[in-house]
Every structure is written in structure tokens, then in C-alpha cells.
PDB file of N, CA and C in Angstrom:
ATOM      1  N   UNK A   1      15.462  69.086 -17.927  1.00  0.00           N
ATOM      2  CA  UNK A   1      15.323  67.660 -18.112  1.00  0.00           C
ATOM      3  C   UNK A   1      15.906  66.966 -16.883  1.00  0.00           C
ATOM      4  N   UNK A   2      15.223  65.885 -16.481  1.00  0.00           N
ATOM      5  CA  UNK A   2      15.661  65.121 -15.316  1.00  0.00           C
ATOM      6  C   UNK A   2      15.626  63.640 -15.682  1.00  0.00           C
ATOM      7  N   UNK A   3      16.706  62.920 -15.382  1.00  0.00           N
ATOM      8  CA  UNK A   3      16.795  61.488 -15.653  1.00  0.00           C
ATOM      9  C   UNK A   3      17.008  60.765 -14.328  1.00  0.00           C
ATOM     10  N   UNK A   4      16.141  59.777 -14.062  1.00  0.00           N
ATOM     11  CA  UNK A   4      16.225  59.025 -12.818  1.00  0.00           C
ATOM     12  C   UNK A   4      16.191  57.536 -13.144  1.00  0.00           C
ATOM     13  N   UNK A   5      17.124  56.798 -12.568  1.00  0.00           N
ATOM     14  CA  UNK A   5      17.127  55.338 -12.707  1.00  0.00           C
ATOM     15  C   UNK A   5      16.778  54.736 -11.355  1.00  0.00           C
ATOM     16  N   UNK A   6      15.789  53.855 -11.352  1.00  0.00           N
ATOM     17  CA  UNK A   6      15.376  53.157 -10.136  1.00  0.00           C
ATOM     18  C   UNK A   6      15.870  51.719 -10.236  1.00  0.00           C
ATOM     19  N   UNK A   7      16.909  51.410  -9.491  1.00  0.00           N
ATOM     20  CA  UNK A   7      17.522  50.083  -9.544  1.00  0.00           C
ATOM     21  C   UNK A   7      16.556  48.999  -9.078  1.00  0.00           C
ATOM     22  N   UNK A   8      15.735  49.307  -8.089  1.00  0.00           N
ATOM     23  CA  UNK A   8      14.810  48.323  -7.536  1.00  0.00           C
ATOM     24  C   UNK A   8      13.774  47.849  -8.567  1.00  0.00           C
ATOM     25  N   UNK A   9      13.260  48.783  -9.366  1.00  0.00           N
ATOM     26  CA  UNK A   9      12.260  48.421 -10.379  1.00  0.00           C
ATOM     27  C   UNK A   9      12.862  48.296 -11.775  1.00  0.00           C
ATOM     28  N   UNK A  10      14.150  48.618 -11.913  1.00  0.00           N
ATOM     29  CA  UNK A  10      14.874  48.599 -13.192  1.00  0.00           C
ATOM     30  C   UNK A  10      14.164  49.444 -14.241  1.00  0.00           C
ATOM     31  N   UNK A  11      13.766  50.662 -13.827  1.00  0.00           N
ATOM     32  CA  UNK A  11      13.142  51.590 -14.756  1.00  0.00           C
ATOM     33  C   UNK A  11      13.929  52.894 -14.809  1.00  0.00           C
ATOM     34  N   UNK A  12      13.927  53.504 -15.979  1.00  0.00           N
ATOM     35  CA  UNK A  12      14.539  54.810 -16.159  1.00  0.00           C
ATOM     36  C   UNK A  12      13.437  55.769 -16.584  1.00  0.00           C
ATOM     37  N   UNK A  13      13.369  56.908 -15.902  1.00  0.00           N
ATOM     38  CA  UNK A  13      12.376  57.920 -16.230  1.00  0.00           C
ATOM     39  C   UNK A  13      13.096  59.172 -16.699  1.00  0.00           C
ATOM     40  N   UNK A  14      12.705  59.647 -17.877  1.00  0.00           N
ATOM     41  CA  UNK A  14      13.260  60.869 -18.448  1.00  0.00           C
ATOM     42  C   UNK A  14      12.131  61.893 -18.469  1.00  0.00           C
ATOM     43  N   UNK A  15      12.246  62.911 -17.635  1.00  0.00           N
ATOM     44  CA  UNK A  15      11.209  63.931 -17.516  1.00  0.00           C
ATOM     45  C   UNK A  15      11.672  65.202 -18.216  1.00  0.00           C
ATOM     46  N   UNK A  16      10.849  65.702 -19.116  1.00  0.00           N
ATOM     47  CA  UNK A  16      11.162  66.931 -19.847  1.00  0.00           C
ATOM     48  C   UNK A  16      10.572  68.164 -19.175  1.00  0.00           C
ATOM     49  N   UNK A  17       9.335  68.009 -18.646  1.00  0.00           N
ATOM     50  CA  UNK A  17       8.636  69.136 -18.024  1.00  0.00           C
ATOM     51  C   UNK A  17       7.777  68.612 -16.886  1.00  0.00           C
ATOM     52  N   UNK A  18       7.512  69.456 -15.898  1.00  0.00           N
ATOM     53  CA  UNK A  18       6.609  69.104 -14.810  1.00  0.00           C
ATOM     54  C   UNK A  18       5.212  69.579 -15.169  1.00  0.00           C
ATOM     55  N   UNK A  19       4.447  68.706 -15.783  1.00  0.00           N
ATOM     56  CA  UNK A  19       3.076  69.006 -16.179  1.00  0.00           C
ATOM     57  C   UNK A  19       2.185  67.849 -15.741  1.00  0.00           C
ATOM     58  N   UNK A  20       0.907  68.107 -15.648  1.00  0.00           N
ATOM     59  CA  UNK A  20      -0.047  67.045 -15.331  1.00  0.00           C
ATOM     60  C   UNK A  20      -0.156  66.097 -16.519  1.00  0.00           C
ATOM     61  N   UNK A  21      -0.247  64.820 -16.213  1.00  0.00           N
ATOM     62  CA  UNK A  21      -0.336  63.787 -17.244  1.00  0.00           C
ATOM     63  C   UNK A  21      -1.801  63.538 -17.580  1.00  0.00           C
ATOM     64  N   UNK A  22      -2.105  63.591 -18.857  1.00  0.00           N
ATOM     65  CA  UNK A  22      -3.469  63.287 -19.300  1.00  0.00           C
ATOM     66  C   UNK A  22      -3.594  61.834 -19.696  1.00  0.00           C
ATOM     67  N   UNK A  23      -2.599  61.348 -20.432  1.00  0.00           N
ATOM     68  CA  UNK A  23      -2.653  59.960 -20.876  1.00  0.00           C
ATOM     69  C   UNK A  23      -1.251  59.410 -21.069  1.00  0.00           C
ATOM     70  N   UNK A  24      -1.176  58.091 -21.053  1.00  0.00           N
ATOM     71  CA  UNK A  24       0.083  57.382 -21.268  1.00  0.00           C
ATOM     72  C   UNK A  24      -0.139  56.369 -22.378  1.00  0.00           C
ATOM     73  N   UNK A  25       0.923  56.119 -23.129  1.00  0.00           N
ATOM     74  CA  UNK A  25       0.817  55.172 -24.230  1.00  0.00           C
ATOM     75  C   UNK A  25       2.142  54.428 -24.363  1.00  0.00           C
ATOM     76  N   UNK A  26       2.088  53.132 -24.553  1.00  0.00           N
ATOM     77  CA  UNK A  26       3.304  52.351 -24.796  1.00  0.00           C
ATOM     78  C   UNK A  26       3.657  52.520 -26.274  1.00  0.00           C
ATOM     79  N   UNK A  27       4.641  53.378 -26.554  1.00  0.00           N
ATOM     80  CA  UNK A  27       4.987  53.740 -27.928  1.00  0.00           C
ATOM     81  C   UNK A  27       5.892  52.721 -28.604  1.00  0.00           C
ATOM     82  N   UNK A  28       6.589  51.949 -27.815  1.00  0.00           N
ATOM     83  CA  UNK A  28       7.410  50.815 -28.253  1.00  0.00           C
ATOM     84  C   UNK A  28       7.342  49.814 -27.121  1.00  0.00           C
ATOM     85  N   UNK A  29       7.620  48.563 -27.385  1.00  0.00           N
ATOM     86  CA  UNK A  29       7.607  47.596 -26.279  1.00  0.00           C
ATOM     87  C   UNK A  29       8.555  48.035 -25.159  1.00  0.00           C
ATOM     88  N   UNK A  30       8.006  48.230 -23.966  1.00  0.00           N
ATOM     89  CA  UNK A  30       8.818  48.618 -22.821  1.00  0.00           C
ATOM     90  C   UNK A  30       9.110  50.097 -22.704  1.00  0.00           C
ATOM     91  N   UNK A  31       8.532  50.925 -23.577  1.00  0.00           N
ATOM     92  CA  UNK A  31       8.739  52.375 -23.513  1.00  0.00           C
ATOM     93  C   UNK A  31       7.371  53.059 -23.435  1.00  0.00           C
ATOM     94  N   UNK A  32       7.145  53.741 -22.320  1.00  0.00           N
ATOM     95  CA  UNK A  32       5.867  54.403 -22.086  1.00  0.00           C
ATOM     96  C   UNK A  32       6.072  55.910 -22.174  1.00  0.00           C
ATOM     97  N   UNK A  33       5.250  56.556 -22.988  1.00  0.00           N
ATOM     98  CA  UNK A  33       5.284  58.010 -23.108  1.00  0.00           C
ATOM     99  C   UNK A  33       4.081  58.590 -22.380  1.00  0.00           C
ATOM    100  N   UNK A  34       4.319  59.631 -21.595  1.00  0.00           N
ATOM    101  CA  UNK A  34       3.252  60.339 -20.891  1.00  0.00           C
ATOM    102  C   UNK A  34       3.031  61.680 -21.582  1.00  0.00           C
ATOM    103  N   UNK A  35       1.754  61.997 -21.819  1.00  0.00           N
ATOM    104  CA  UNK A  35       1.383  63.210 -22.557  1.00  0.00           C
ATOM    105  C   UNK A  35       0.574  64.148 -21.672  1.00  0.00           C
ATOM    106  N   UNK A  36       0.760  65.459 -21.898  1.00  0.00           N
ATOM    107  CA  UNK A  36      -0.017  66.444 -21.149  1.00  0.00           C
ATOM    108  C   UNK A  36      -1.356  66.690 -21.839  1.00  0.00           C
ATOM    109  N   UNK A  37      -2.100  67.677 -21.379  1.00  0.00           N
ATOM    110  CA  UNK A  37      -3.425  67.969 -21.907  1.00  0.00           C
ATOM    111  C   UNK A  37      -3.392  68.610 -23.297  1.00  0.00           C
ATOM    112  N   UNK A  38      -2.211  69.027 -23.755  1.00  0.00           N
ATOM    113  CA  UNK A  38      -2.068  69.579 -25.101  1.00  0.00           C
ATOM    114  C   UNK A  38      -1.507  68.547 -26.070  1.00  0.00           C
ATOM    115  N   UNK A  39      -1.273  67.321 -25.574  1.00  0.00           N
ATOM    116  CA  UNK A  39      -0.741  66.264 -26.424  1.00  0.00           C
ATOM    117  C   UNK A  39       0.770  66.255 -26.553  1.00  0.00           C
ATOM    118  N   UNK A  40       1.450  67.072 -25.761  1.00  0.00           N
ATOM    119  CA  UNK A  40       2.915  67.137 -25.802  1.00  0.00           C
ATOM    120  C   UNK A  40       3.500  66.117 -24.835  1.00  0.00           C
ATOM    121  N   UNK A  41       4.660  65.589 -25.186  1.00  0.00           N
ATOM    122  CA  UNK A  41       5.323  64.598 -24.342  1.00  0.00           C
ATOM    123  C   UNK A  41       5.872  65.278 -23.085  1.00  0.00           C
ATOM    124  N   UNK A  42       5.561  64.688 -21.937  1.00  0.00           N
ATOM    125  CA  UNK A  42       6.055  65.184 -20.653  1.00  0.00           C
ATOM    126  C   UNK A  42       7.239  64.338 -20.198  1.00  0.00           C
ATOM    127  N   UNK A  43       7.112  63.006 -20.353  1.00  0.00           N
ATOM    128  CA  UNK A  43       8.207  62.127 -19.932  1.00  0.00           C
ATOM    129  C   UNK A  43       8.102  60.770 -20.618  1.00  0.00           C
ATOM    130  N   UNK A  44       9.229  60.056 -20.564  1.00  0.00           N
ATOM    131  CA  UNK A  44       9.317  58.675 -21.022  1.00  0.00           C
ATOM    132  C   UNK A  44       9.690  57.808 -19.829  1.00  0.00           C
ATOM    133  N   UNK A  45       9.156  56.613 -19.800  1.00  0.00           N
ATOM    134  CA  UNK A  45       9.566  55.615 -18.816  1.00  0.00           C
ATOM    135  C   UNK A  45      10.036  54.384 -19.589  1.00  0.00           C
ATOM    136  N   UNK A  46      11.242  53.939 -19.284  1.00  0.00           N
ATOM    137  CA  UNK A  46      11.829  52.786 -19.960  1.00  0.00           C
ATOM    138  C   UNK A  46      11.858  51.628 -18.975  1.00  0.00           C
ATOM    139  N   UNK A  47      11.133  50.567 -19.306  1.00  0.00           N
ATOM    140  CA  UNK A  47      11.080  49.385 -18.467  1.00  0.00           C
ATOM    141  C   UNK A  47      12.253  48.468 -18.797  1.00  0.00           C
ATOM    142  N   UNK A  48      12.718  47.697 -17.838  1.00  0.00           N
ATOM    143  CA  UNK A  48      13.895  46.817 -18.015  1.00  0.00           C
ATOM    144  C   UNK A  48      15.067  47.619 -18.580  1.00  0.00           C
ATOM    145  N   UNK A  49      15.282  48.778 -18.008  1.00  0.00           N
ATOM    146  CA  UNK A  49      16.276  49.720 -18.524  1.00  0.00           C
ATOM    147  C   UNK A  49      17.684  49.149 -18.589  1.00  0.00           C
ATOM    148  N   UNK A  50      18.065  48.316 -17.642  1.00  0.00           N
ATOM    149  CA  UNK A  50      19.427  47.783 -17.627  1.00  0.00           C
ATOM    150  C   UNK A  50      19.692  46.882 -18.838  1.00  0.00           C
ATOM    151  N   UNK A  51      18.647  46.415 -19.469  1.00  0.00           N
ATOM    152  CA  UNK A  51      18.808  45.540 -20.635  1.00  0.00           C
ATOM    153  C   UNK A  51      18.800  46.304 -21.963  1.00  0.00           C
ATOM    154  N   UNK A  52      18.236  47.524 -21.972  1.00  0.00           N
ATOM    155  CA  UNK A  52      18.104  48.237 -23.241  1.00  0.00           C
ATOM    156  C   UNK A  52      18.883  49.551 -23.326  1.00  0.00           C
ATOM    157  N   UNK A  53      19.317  50.091 -22.199  1.00  0.00           N
ATOM    158  CA  UNK A  53      20.077  51.336 -22.200  1.00  0.00           C
ATOM    159  C   UNK A  53      21.523  51.013 -21.924  1.00  0.00           C
ATOM    160  N   UNK A  54      22.398  51.436 -22.809  1.00  0.00           N
ATOM    161  CA  UNK A  54      23.831  51.154 -22.612  1.00  0.00           C
ATOM    162  C   UNK A  54      24.605  52.429 -22.462  1.00  0.00           C
TER     163      UNK A  54
END
């Protein structure tokens, strides 16, 4: 697992596996999940992370 915070864009990316992304879906407001070709979660991206992650 890899967690990266980008201060410039205020996004946090949590990567579980290095796989090709087939589709992305906003699963909650400001939270985007990326799925591989088998439908498994590859990573999450949290927008406005400084406001929602404590």
C-alpha cells in the first residue's frame, strides 16, 4: 500500500496495487475509486483531503 498527499492539488491517493485502471467511480462526494479489469479496487483518491482527513 502506498499513500501520497499532493499539497498543490490537495488530494490524497491511497494505492493498494499497481494494476491497470478500467474505470473510476465517485463512490462518495469527493472520493473516487479506481477499479481494475476484474472489478477490484486499485486505489482511492480523496479530493480536498486537508478538509476531510484528520
